[in-house]
Amino acid sequence: MGLLTAALVVGGAAGAVVAAPFALTAVGFTTIGITAGSYAAAWMSAAAVANAGAVAGGSAVAGLQAAGAVGLPAVASAGVAGVGATIGLITAILI
């Protein structure tokens, strides 16, 4: 593995972990709840309609809101880092 490849893999992993909270906030999953009129609000509405008026605990919407409120758990951070590293590796291959 060359130096550029290593830098892109590490940078992709670190960048993804740093960017994840900003991405959650951008779509409407914030520390104080779901932002009205956001994508998150639309997802929550659809989940509630599909589940007879309630958002199921353990659903994707519930998990994303929890992550938006308190941050990503270690397992999710590792997954996000893996995705970022993969993107960095693909970028290195394409360069």
PDB file of N, CA and C in Angstrom:
ATOM      1  N   MET A   1       0.861  -1.175   0.000  1.00  0.00           N
ATOM      2  CA  MET A   1       0.000   0.000   0.000  1.00  0.00           C
ATOM      3  C   MET A   1       0.901   1.229   0.000  1.00  0.00           C
ATOM      4  N   GLY A   2       0.653   2.093  -0.937  1.00  0.00           N
ATOM      5  CA  GLY A   2       1.444   3.305  -1.046  1.00  0.00           C
ATOM      6  C   GLY A   2       1.035   4.348  -0.024  1.00  0.00           C
ATOM      7  N   LEU A   3       1.843   5.358   0.101  1.00  0.00           N
ATOM      8  CA  LEU A   3       1.597   6.433   1.051  1.00  0.00           C
ATOM      9  C   LEU A   3       0.301   7.177   0.727  1.00  0.00           C
ATOM     10  N   LEU A   4       0.046   7.441  -0.555  1.00  0.00           N
ATOM     11  CA  LEU A   4      -1.191   8.132  -0.940  1.00  0.00           C
ATOM     12  C   LEU A   4      -2.411   7.286  -0.594  1.00  0.00           C
ATOM     13  N   THR A   5      -2.335   5.995  -0.862  1.00  0.00           N
ATOM     14  CA  THR A   5      -3.453   5.103  -0.549  1.00  0.00           C
ATOM     15  C   THR A   5      -3.719   5.096   0.951  1.00  0.00           C
ATOM     16  N   ALA A   6      -2.664   4.957   1.734  1.00  0.00           N
ATOM     17  CA  ALA A   6      -2.816   4.948   3.193  1.00  0.00           C
ATOM     18  C   ALA A   6      -3.421   6.259   3.689  1.00  0.00           C
ATOM     19  N   ALA A   7      -2.950   7.366   3.144  1.00  0.00           N
ATOM     20  CA  ALA A   7      -3.473   8.674   3.557  1.00  0.00           C
ATOM     21  C   ALA A   7      -4.952   8.811   3.210  1.00  0.00           C
ATOM     22  N   LEU A   8      -5.336   8.332   2.038  1.00  0.00           N
ATOM     23  CA  LEU A   8      -6.742   8.424   1.643  1.00  0.00           C
ATOM     24  C   LEU A   8      -7.627   7.508   2.484  1.00  0.00           C
ATOM     25  N   VAL A   9      -7.148   6.328   2.820  1.00  0.00           N
ATOM     26  CA  VAL A   9      -7.924   5.405   3.653  1.00  0.00           C
ATOM     27  C   VAL A   9      -8.105   5.984   5.057  1.00  0.00           C
ATOM     28  N   VAL A  10      -7.014   6.432   5.664  1.00  0.00           N
ATOM     29  CA  VAL A  10      -7.093   7.000   7.016  1.00  0.00           C
ATOM     30  C   VAL A  10      -7.902   8.296   7.011  1.00  0.00           C
ATOM     31  N   GLY A  11      -7.664   9.131   6.022  1.00  0.00           N
ATOM     32  CA  GLY A  11      -8.424  10.382   5.917  1.00  0.00           C
ATOM     33  C   GLY A  11      -9.901  10.142   5.691  1.00  0.00           C
ATOM     34  N   GLY A  12     -10.226   9.149   4.879  1.00  0.00           N
ATOM     35  CA  GLY A  12     -11.628   8.820   4.644  1.00  0.00           C
ATOM     36  C   GLY A  12     -12.308   8.328   5.906  1.00  0.00           C
ATOM     37  N   ALA A  13     -11.622   7.480   6.667  1.00  0.00           N
ATOM     38  CA  ALA A  13     -12.179   6.952   7.913  1.00  0.00           C
ATOM     39  C   ALA A  13     -12.395   8.080   8.924  1.00  0.00           C
ATOM     40  N   ALA A  14     -11.384   8.886   9.128  1.00  0.00           N
ATOM     41  CA  ALA A  14     -11.483   9.981  10.096  1.00  0.00           C
ATOM     42  C   ALA A  14     -12.512  11.018   9.653  1.00  0.00           C
ATOM     43  N   GLY A  15     -12.493  11.342   8.381  1.00  0.00           N
ATOM     44  CA  GLY A  15     -13.439  12.330   7.866  1.00  0.00           C
ATOM     45  C   GLY A  15     -14.878  11.884   8.011  1.00  0.00           C
ATOM     46  N   ALA A  16     -15.142  10.614   7.778  1.00  0.00           N
ATOM     47  CA  ALA A  16     -16.504  10.101   7.897  1.00  0.00           C
ATOM     48  C   ALA A  16     -17.001  10.165   9.339  1.00  0.00           C
ATOM     49  N   VAL A  17     -16.133   9.817  10.287  1.00  0.00           N
ATOM     50  CA  VAL A  17     -16.526   9.858  11.702  1.00  0.00           C
ATOM     51  C   VAL A  17     -16.800  11.296  12.139  1.00  0.00           C
ATOM     52  N   VAL A  18     -15.987  12.232  11.682  1.00  0.00           N
ATOM     53  CA  VAL A  18     -16.186  13.638  12.029  1.00  0.00           C
ATOM     54  C   VAL A  18     -17.438  14.202  11.350  1.00  0.00           C
ATOM     55  N   ALA A  19     -17.703  13.781  10.115  1.00  0.00           N
ATOM     56  CA  ALA A  19     -18.823  14.329   9.351  1.00  0.00           C
ATOM     57  C   ALA A  19     -20.180  13.756   9.753  1.00  0.00           C
ATOM     58  N   ALA A  20     -20.208  12.559  10.334  1.00  0.00           N
ATOM     59  CA  ALA A  20     -21.476  11.895  10.640  1.00  0.00           C
ATOM     60  C   ALA A  20     -22.419  12.740  11.493  1.00  0.00           C
ATOM     61  N   PRO A  21     -21.970  13.348  12.602  1.00  0.00           N
ATOM     62  CA  PRO A  21     -22.897  14.164  13.389  1.00  0.00           C
ATOM     63  C   PRO A  21     -23.443  15.367  12.615  1.00  0.00           C
ATOM     64  N   PHE A  22     -22.618  15.947  11.762  1.00  0.00           N
ATOM     65  CA  PHE A  22     -23.073  17.074  10.955  1.00  0.00           C
ATOM     66  C   PHE A  22     -24.119  16.630   9.937  1.00  0.00           C
ATOM     67  N   ALA A  23     -23.922  15.444   9.368  1.00  0.00           N
ATOM     68  CA  ALA A  23     -24.886  14.905   8.410  1.00  0.00           C
ATOM     69  C   ALA A  23     -26.219  14.619   9.094  1.00  0.00           C
ATOM     70  N   LEU A  24     -26.175  14.050  10.292  1.00  0.00           N
ATOM     71  CA  LEU A  24     -27.412  13.788  11.033  1.00  0.00           C
ATOM     72  C   LEU A  24     -28.169  15.084  11.299  1.00  0.00           C
ATOM     73  N   THR A  25     -27.449  16.111  11.730  1.00  0.00           N
ATOM     74  CA  THR A  25     -28.079  17.408  11.996  1.00  0.00           C
ATOM     75  C   THR A  25     -28.628  18.016  10.713  1.00  0.00           C
ATOM     76  N   ALA A  26     -27.917  17.870   9.621  1.00  0.00           N
ATOM     77  CA  ALA A  26     -28.351  18.452   8.351  1.00  0.00           C
ATOM     78  C   ALA A  26     -29.671  17.876   7.862  1.00  0.00           C
ATOM     79  N   VAL A  27     -29.928  16.593   8.145  1.00  0.00           N
ATOM     80  CA  VAL A  27     -31.191  15.992   7.704  1.00  0.00           C
ATOM     81  C   VAL A  27     -32.287  16.112   8.754  1.00  0.00           C
ATOM     82  N   GLY A  28     -31.949  16.650   9.952  1.00  0.00           N
ATOM     83  CA  GLY A  28     -32.974  16.950  10.934  1.00  0.00           C
ATOM     84  C   GLY A  28     -32.950  16.174  12.228  1.00  0.00           C
ATOM     85  N   PHE A  29     -31.960  15.295  12.434  1.00  0.00           N
ATOM     86  CA  PHE A  29     -31.834  14.572  13.700  1.00  0.00           C
ATOM     87  C   PHE A  29     -30.897  15.370  14.604  1.00  0.00           C
ATOM     88  N   THR A  30     -31.464  16.163  15.525  1.00  0.00           N
ATOM     89  CA  THR A  30     -30.660  17.071  16.346  1.00  0.00           C
ATOM     90  C   THR A  30     -30.661  16.646  17.812  1.00  0.00           C
ATOM     91  N   THR A  31     -29.883  17.333  18.608  1.00  0.00           N
ATOM     92  CA  THR A  31     -29.788  17.022  20.038  1.00  0.00           C
ATOM     93  C   THR A  31     -31.072  17.345  20.784  1.00  0.00           C
ATOM     94  N   ILE A  32     -31.925  18.186  20.216  1.00  0.00           N
ATOM     95  CA  ILE A  32     -33.175  18.539  20.901  1.00  0.00           C
ATOM     96  C   ILE A  32     -34.402  17.900  20.258  1.00  0.00           C
ATOM     97  N   GLY A  33     -34.187  17.033  19.302  1.00  0.00           N
ATOM     98  CA  GLY A  33     -35.301  16.340  18.663  1.00  0.00           C
ATOM     99  C   GLY A  33     -35.268  16.496  17.155  1.00  0.00           C
ATOM    100  N   ILE A  34     -36.309  16.008  16.526  1.00  0.00           N
ATOM    101  CA  ILE A  34     -36.400  16.072  15.068  1.00  0.00           C
ATOM    102  C   ILE A  34     -36.894  17.453  14.655  1.00  0.00           C
ATOM    103  N   THR A  35     -36.227  18.047  13.699  1.00  0.00           N
ATOM    104  CA  THR A  35     -36.563  19.383  13.215  1.00  0.00           C
ATOM    105  C   THR A  35     -37.807  19.330  12.335  1.00  0.00           C
ATOM    106  N   ALA A  36     -38.768  20.206  12.626  1.00  0.00           N
ATOM    107  CA  ALA A  36     -40.005  20.268  11.842  1.00  0.00           C
ATOM    108  C   ALA A  36     -39.696  20.599  10.387  1.00  0.00           C
ATOM    109  N   GLY A  37     -40.364  19.917   9.469  1.00  0.00           N
ATOM    110  CA  GLY A  37     -40.209  20.179   8.047  1.00  0.00           C
ATOM    111  C   GLY A  37     -38.957  19.577   7.421  1.00  0.00           C
ATOM    112  N   SER A  38     -38.191  18.815   8.172  1.00  0.00           N
ATOM    113  CA  SER A  38     -36.944  18.242   7.659  1.00  0.00           C
ATOM    114  C   SER A  38     -37.193  16.864   7.058  1.00  0.00           C
ATOM    115  N   TYR A  39     -36.140  16.321   6.442  1.00  0.00           N
ATOM    116  CA  TYR A  39     -36.211  14.945   5.949  1.00  0.00           C
ATOM    117  C   TYR A  39     -36.507  13.990   7.102  1.00  0.00           C
ATOM    118  N   ALA A  40     -35.890  14.248   8.253  1.00  0.00           N
ATOM    119  CA  ALA A  40     -36.109  13.392   9.417  1.00  0.00           C
ATOM    120  C   ALA A  40     -37.582  13.395   9.820  1.00  0.00           C
ATOM    121  N   ALA A  41     -38.225  14.549   9.740  1.00  0.00           N
ATOM    122  CA  ALA A  41     -39.646  14.634  10.078  1.00  0.00           C
ATOM    123  C   ALA A  41     -40.483  13.819   9.092  1.00  0.00           C
ATOM    124  N   ALA A  42     -40.132  13.857   7.830  1.00  0.00           N
ATOM    125  CA  ALA A  42     -40.859  13.072   6.825  1.00  0.00           C
ATOM    126  C   ALA A  42     -40.666  11.580   7.074  1.00  0.00           C
ATOM    127  N   TRP A  43     -39.425  11.168   7.418  1.00  0.00           N
ATOM    128  CA  TRP A  43     -39.166   9.762   7.709  1.00  0.00           C
ATOM    129  C   TRP A  43     -39.926   9.310   8.950  1.00  0.00           C
ATOM    130  N   MET A  44     -39.972  10.185   9.968  1.00  0.00           N
ATOM    131  CA  MET A  44     -40.683   9.850  11.188  1.00  0.00           C
ATOM    132  C   MET A  44     -42.181   9.722  10.916  1.00  0.00           C
ATOM    133  N   SER A  45     -42.710  10.600  10.110  1.00  0.00           N
ATOM    134  CA  SER A  45     -44.124  10.538   9.757  1.00  0.00           C
ATOM    135  C   SER A  45     -44.446   9.244   9.017  1.00  0.00           C
ATOM    136  N   ALA A  46     -43.619   8.891   8.059  1.00  0.00           N
ATOM    137  CA  ALA A  46     -43.835   7.653   7.302  1.00  0.00           C
ATOM    138  C   ALA A  46     -43.738   6.434   8.214  1.00  0.00           C
ATOM    139  N   ALA A  47     -42.782   6.445   9.140  1.00  0.00           N
ATOM    140  CA  ALA A  47     -42.636   5.327  10.075  1.00  0.00           C
ATOM    141  C   ALA A  47     -43.848   5.224  10.990  1.00  0.00           C
ATOM    142  N   ALA A  48     -44.369   6.364  11.415  1.00  0.00           N
ATOM    143  CA  ALA A  48     -45.550   6.359  12.291  1.00  0.00           C
ATOM    144  C   ALA A  48     -46.778   5.857  11.546  1.00  0.00           C
ATOM    145  N   VAL A  49     -46.958   6.272  10.313  1.00  0.00           N
ATOM    146  CA  VAL A  49     -48.093   5.809   9.507  1.00  0.00           C
ATOM    147  C   VAL A  49     -48.008   4.293   9.310  1.00  0.00           C
ATOM    148  N   ALA A  50     -46.815   3.797   9.060  1.00  0.00           N
ATOM    149  CA  ALA A  50     -46.635   2.367   8.820  1.00  0.00           C
ATOM    150  C   ALA A  50     -46.805   1.532  10.089  1.00  0.00           C
ATOM    151  N   ASN A  51     -46.708   2.187  11.245  1.00  0.00           N
ATOM    152  CA  ASN A  51     -46.758   1.452  12.512  1.00  0.00           C
ATOM    153  C   ASN A  51     -47.939   1.909  13.374  1.00  0.00           C
ATOM    154  N   ALA A  52     -49.061   2.191  12.759  1.00  0.00           N
ATOM    155  CA  ALA A  52     -50.303   2.554  13.471  1.00  0.00           C
ATOM    156  C   ALA A  52     -50.137   3.753  14.400  1.00  0.00           C
ATOM    157  N   GLY A  53     -49.378   4.739  13.978  1.00  0.00           N
ATOM    158  CA  GLY A  53     -49.280   5.990  14.725  1.00  0.00           C
ATOM    159  C   GLY A  53     -48.099   6.117  15.662  1.00  0.00           C
ATOM    160  N   ALA A  54     -47.267   5.117  15.758  1.00  0.00           N
ATOM    161  CA  ALA A  54     -46.106   5.184  16.652  1.00  0.00           C
ATOM    162  C   ALA A  54     -44.836   4.826  15.876  1.00  0.00           C
ATOM    163  N   VAL A  55     -43.732   5.356  16.334  1.00  0.00           N
ATOM    164  CA  VAL A  55     -42.441   4.979  15.764  1.00  0.00           C
ATOM    165  C   VAL A  55     -41.895   3.847  16.622  1.00  0.00           C
ATOM    166  N   ALA A  56     -41.635   2.728  16.013  1.00  0.00           N
ATOM    167  CA  ALA A  56     -41.182   1.546  16.746  1.00  0.00           C
ATOM    168  C   ALA A  56     -39.788   1.752  17.324  1.00  0.00           C
ATOM    169  N   GLY A  57     -39.622   1.368  18.586  1.00  0.00           N
ATOM    170  CA  GLY A  57     -38.299   1.378  19.189  1.00  0.00           C
ATOM    171  C   GLY A  57     -37.406   0.405  18.426  1.00  0.00           C
ATOM    172  N   GLY A  58     -36.186   0.781  18.192  1.00  0.00           N
ATOM    173  CA  GLY A  58     -35.272  -0.075  17.445  1.00  0.00           C
ATOM    174  C   GLY A  58     -35.341   0.123  15.943  1.00  0.00           C
ATOM    175  N   SER A  59     -36.268   0.974  15.483  1.00  0.00           N
ATOM    176  CA  SER A  59     -36.365   1.236  14.042  1.00  0.00           C
ATOM    177  C   SER A  59     -35.227   2.152  13.607  1.00  0.00           C
ATOM    178  N   ALA A  60     -35.070   2.293  12.310  1.00  0.00           N
ATOM    179  CA  ALA A  60     -34.010   3.167  11.786  1.00  0.00           C
ATOM    180  C   ALA A  60     -34.214   4.608  12.246  1.00  0.00           C
ATOM    181  N   VAL A  61     -35.454   5.069  12.228  1.00  0.00           N
ATOM    182  CA  VAL A  61     -35.738   6.448  12.648  1.00  0.00           C
ATOM    183  C   VAL A  61     -35.374   6.631  14.118  1.00  0.00           C
ATOM    184  N   ALA A  62     -35.754   5.674  14.948  1.00  0.00           N
ATOM    185  CA  ALA A  62     -35.430   5.763  16.375  1.00  0.00           C
ATOM    186  C   ALA A  62     -33.921   5.747  16.598  1.00  0.00           C
ATOM    187  N   GLY A  63     -33.224   4.892  15.886  1.00  0.00           N
ATOM    188  CA  GLY A  63     -31.769   4.815  16.019  1.00  0.00           C
ATOM    189  C   GLY A  63     -31.066   6.084  15.568  1.00  0.00           C
ATOM    190  N   LEU A  64     -31.525   6.640  14.448  1.00  0.00           N
ATOM    191  CA  LEU A  64     -30.913   7.880  13.953  1.00  0.00           C
ATOM    192  C   LEU A  64     -31.188   9.044  14.895  1.00  0.00           C
ATOM    193  N   GLN A  65     -32.394   9.096  15.479  1.00  0.00           N
ATOM    194  CA  GLN A  65     -32.685  10.162  16.433  1.00  0.00           C
ATOM    195  C   GLN A  65     -31.833  10.015  17.684  1.00  0.00           C
ATOM    196  N   ALA A  66     -31.665   8.796  18.150  1.00  0.00           N
ATOM    197  CA  ALA A  66     -30.800   8.580  19.316  1.00  0.00           C
ATOM    198  C   ALA A  66     -29.370   9.021  19.008  1.00  0.00           C
ATOM    199  N   ALA A  67     -28.894   8.692  17.819  1.00  0.00           N
ATOM    200  CA  ALA A  67     -27.544   9.110  17.423  1.00  0.00           C
ATOM    201  C   ALA A  67     -27.453  10.625  17.311  1.00  0.00           C
ATOM    202  N   GLY A  68     -28.505  11.255  16.802  1.00  0.00           N
ATOM    203  CA  GLY A  68     -28.514  12.711  16.712  1.00  0.00           C
ATOM    204  C   GLY A  68     -28.542  13.367  18.079  1.00  0.00           C
ATOM    205  N   ALA A  69     -29.208  12.731  19.038  1.00  0.00           N
ATOM    206  CA  ALA A  69     -29.350  13.312  20.370  1.00  0.00           C
ATOM    207  C   ALA A  69     -28.098  13.137  21.220  1.00  0.00           C
ATOM    208  N   VAL A  70     -27.515  11.945  21.210  1.00  0.00           N
ATOM    209  CA  VAL A  70     -26.398  11.676  22.115  1.00  0.00           C
ATOM    210  C   VAL A  70     -25.098  11.311  21.417  1.00  0.00           C
ATOM    211  N   GLY A  71     -25.103  11.239  20.106  1.00  0.00           N
ATOM    212  CA  GLY A  71     -23.903  10.880  19.367  1.00  0.00           C
ATOM    213  C   GLY A  71     -23.910   9.415  18.975  1.00  0.00           C
ATOM    214  N   LEU A  72     -22.994   9.067  18.114  1.00  0.00           N
ATOM    215  CA  LEU A  72     -22.914   7.698  17.628  1.00  0.00           C
ATOM    216  C   LEU A  72     -22.275   6.786  18.658  1.00  0.00           C
ATOM    217  N   PRO A  73     -22.850   5.602  18.871  1.00  0.00           N
ATOM    218  CA  PRO A  73     -22.167   4.638  19.734  1.00  0.00           C
ATOM    219  C   PRO A  73     -20.908   4.120  19.040  1.00  0.00           C
ATOM    220  N   ALA A  74     -20.049   3.468  19.793  1.00  0.00           N
ATOM    221  CA  ALA A  74     -18.760   3.005  19.261  1.00  0.00           C
ATOM    222  C   ALA A  74     -18.929   2.089  18.057  1.00  0.00           C
ATOM    223  N   VAL A  75     -19.906   1.217  18.102  1.00  0.00           N
ATOM    224  CA  VAL A  75     -20.116   0.288  16.982  1.00  0.00           C
ATOM    225  C   VAL A  75     -20.481   1.051  15.717  1.00  0.00           C
ATOM    226  N   ALA A  76     -21.362   2.032  15.845  1.00  0.00           N
ATOM    227  CA  ALA A  76     -21.753   2.832  14.679  1.00  0.00           C
ATOM    228  C   ALA A  76     -20.577   3.662  14.173  1.00  0.00           C
ATOM    229  N   SER A  77     -19.774   4.194  15.083  1.00  0.00           N
ATOM    230  CA  SER A  77     -18.595   4.962  14.673  1.00  0.00           C
ATOM    231  C   SER A  77     -17.631   4.074  13.890  1.00  0.00           C
ATOM    232  N   ALA A  78     -17.486   2.840  14.336  1.00  0.00           N
ATOM    233  CA  ALA A  78     -16.609   1.904  13.620  1.00  0.00           C
ATOM    234  C   ALA A  78     -17.159   1.614  12.233  1.00  0.00           C
ATOM    235  N   GLY A  79     -18.467   1.457  12.124  1.00  0.00           N
ATOM    236  CA  GLY A  79     -19.083   1.220  10.820  1.00  0.00           C
ATOM    237  C   GLY A  79     -18.917   2.399   9.890  1.00  0.00           C
ATOM    238  N   VAL A  80     -19.123   3.603  10.425  1.00  0.00           N
ATOM    239  CA  VAL A  80     -18.952   4.820   9.623  1.00  0.00           C
ATOM    240  C   VAL A  80     -17.499   4.950   9.186  1.00  0.00           C
ATOM    241  N   ALA A  81     -16.576   4.648  10.084  1.00  0.00           N
ATOM    242  CA  ALA A  81     -15.146   4.703   9.733  1.00  0.00           C
ATOM    243  C   ALA A  81     -14.824   3.704   8.633  1.00  0.00           C
ATOM    244  N   GLY A  82     -15.430   2.528   8.699  1.00  0.00           N
ATOM    245  CA  GLY A  82     -15.212   1.521   7.660  1.00  0.00           C
ATOM    246  C   GLY A  82     -15.695   1.980   6.298  1.00  0.00           C
ATOM    247  N   VAL A  83     -16.854   2.619   6.288  1.00  0.00           N
ATOM    248  CA  VAL A  83     -17.384   3.148   5.024  1.00  0.00           C
ATOM    249  C   VAL A  83     -16.455   4.239   4.489  1.00  0.00           C
ATOM    250  N   GLY A  84     -16.017   5.141   5.364  1.00  0.00           N
ATOM    251  CA  GLY A  84     -15.098   6.198   4.939  1.00  0.00           C
ATOM    252  C   GLY A  84     -13.786   5.654   4.421  1.00  0.00           C
ATOM    253  N   ALA A  85     -13.267   4.628   5.103  1.00  0.00           N
ATOM    254  CA  ALA A  85     -12.013   4.011   4.651  1.00  0.00           C
ATOM    255  C   ALA A  85     -12.186   3.352   3.284  1.00  0.00           C
ATOM    256  N   THR A  86     -13.338   2.723   3.083  1.00  0.00           N
ATOM    257  CA  THR A  86     -13.606   2.086   1.795  1.00  0.00           C
ATOM    258  C   THR A  86     -13.680   3.136   0.673  1.00  0.00           C
ATOM    259  N   ILE A  87     -14.337   4.242   0.962  1.00  0.00           N
ATOM    260  CA  ILE A  87     -14.406   5.328  -0.025  1.00  0.00           C
ATOM    261  C   ILE A  87     -13.012   5.866  -0.317  1.00  0.00           C
ATOM    262  N   GLY A  88     -12.188   6.005   0.731  1.00  0.00           N
ATOM    263  CA  GLY A  88     -10.811   6.452   0.526  1.00  0.00           C
ATOM    264  C   GLY A  88     -10.009   5.485  -0.334  1.00  0.00           C
ATOM    265  N   LEU A  89     -10.205   4.178  -0.100  1.00  0.00           N
ATOM    266  CA  LEU A  89      -9.493   3.159  -0.895  1.00  0.00           C
ATOM    267  C   LEU A  89      -9.944   3.188  -2.351  1.00  0.00           C
ATOM    268  N   ILE A  90     -11.243   3.300  -2.567  1.00  0.00           N
ATOM    269  CA  ILE A  90     -11.757   3.374  -3.942  1.00  0.00           C
ATOM    270  C   ILE A  90     -11.200   4.614  -4.645  1.00  0.00           C
ATOM    271  N   THR A  91     -11.154   5.716  -3.919  1.00  0.00           N
ATOM    272  CA  THR A  91     -10.595   6.946  -4.495  1.00  0.00           C
ATOM    273  C   THR A  91      -9.134   6.730  -4.879  1.00  0.00           C
ATOM    274  N   ALA A  92      -8.374   6.064  -4.010  1.00  0.00           N
ATOM    275  CA  ALA A  92      -6.963   5.806  -4.312  1.00  0.00           C
ATOM    276  C   ALA A  92      -6.810   4.926  -5.547  1.00  0.00           C
ATOM    277  N   ILE A  93      -7.694   3.958  -5.691  1.00  0.00           N
ATOM    278  CA  ILE A  93      -7.633   3.066  -6.871  1.00  0.00           C
ATOM    279  C   ILE A  93      -7.954   3.846  -8.143  1.00  0.00           C
ATOM    280  N   LEU A  94      -8.913   4.755  -8.054  1.00  0.00           N
ATOM    281  CA  LEU A  94      -9.319   5.511  -9.233  1.00  0.00           C
ATOM    282  C   LEU A  94      -8.336   6.602  -9.633  1.00  0.00           C
ATOM    283  N   ILE A  95      -7.487   7.009  -8.700  1.00  0.00           N
ATOM    284  CA  ILE A  95      -6.528   8.085  -9.013  1.00  0.00           C
ATOM    285  C   ILE A  95      -5.377   7.561  -9.819  1.00  0.00           C
TER     286      ILE A  95
END
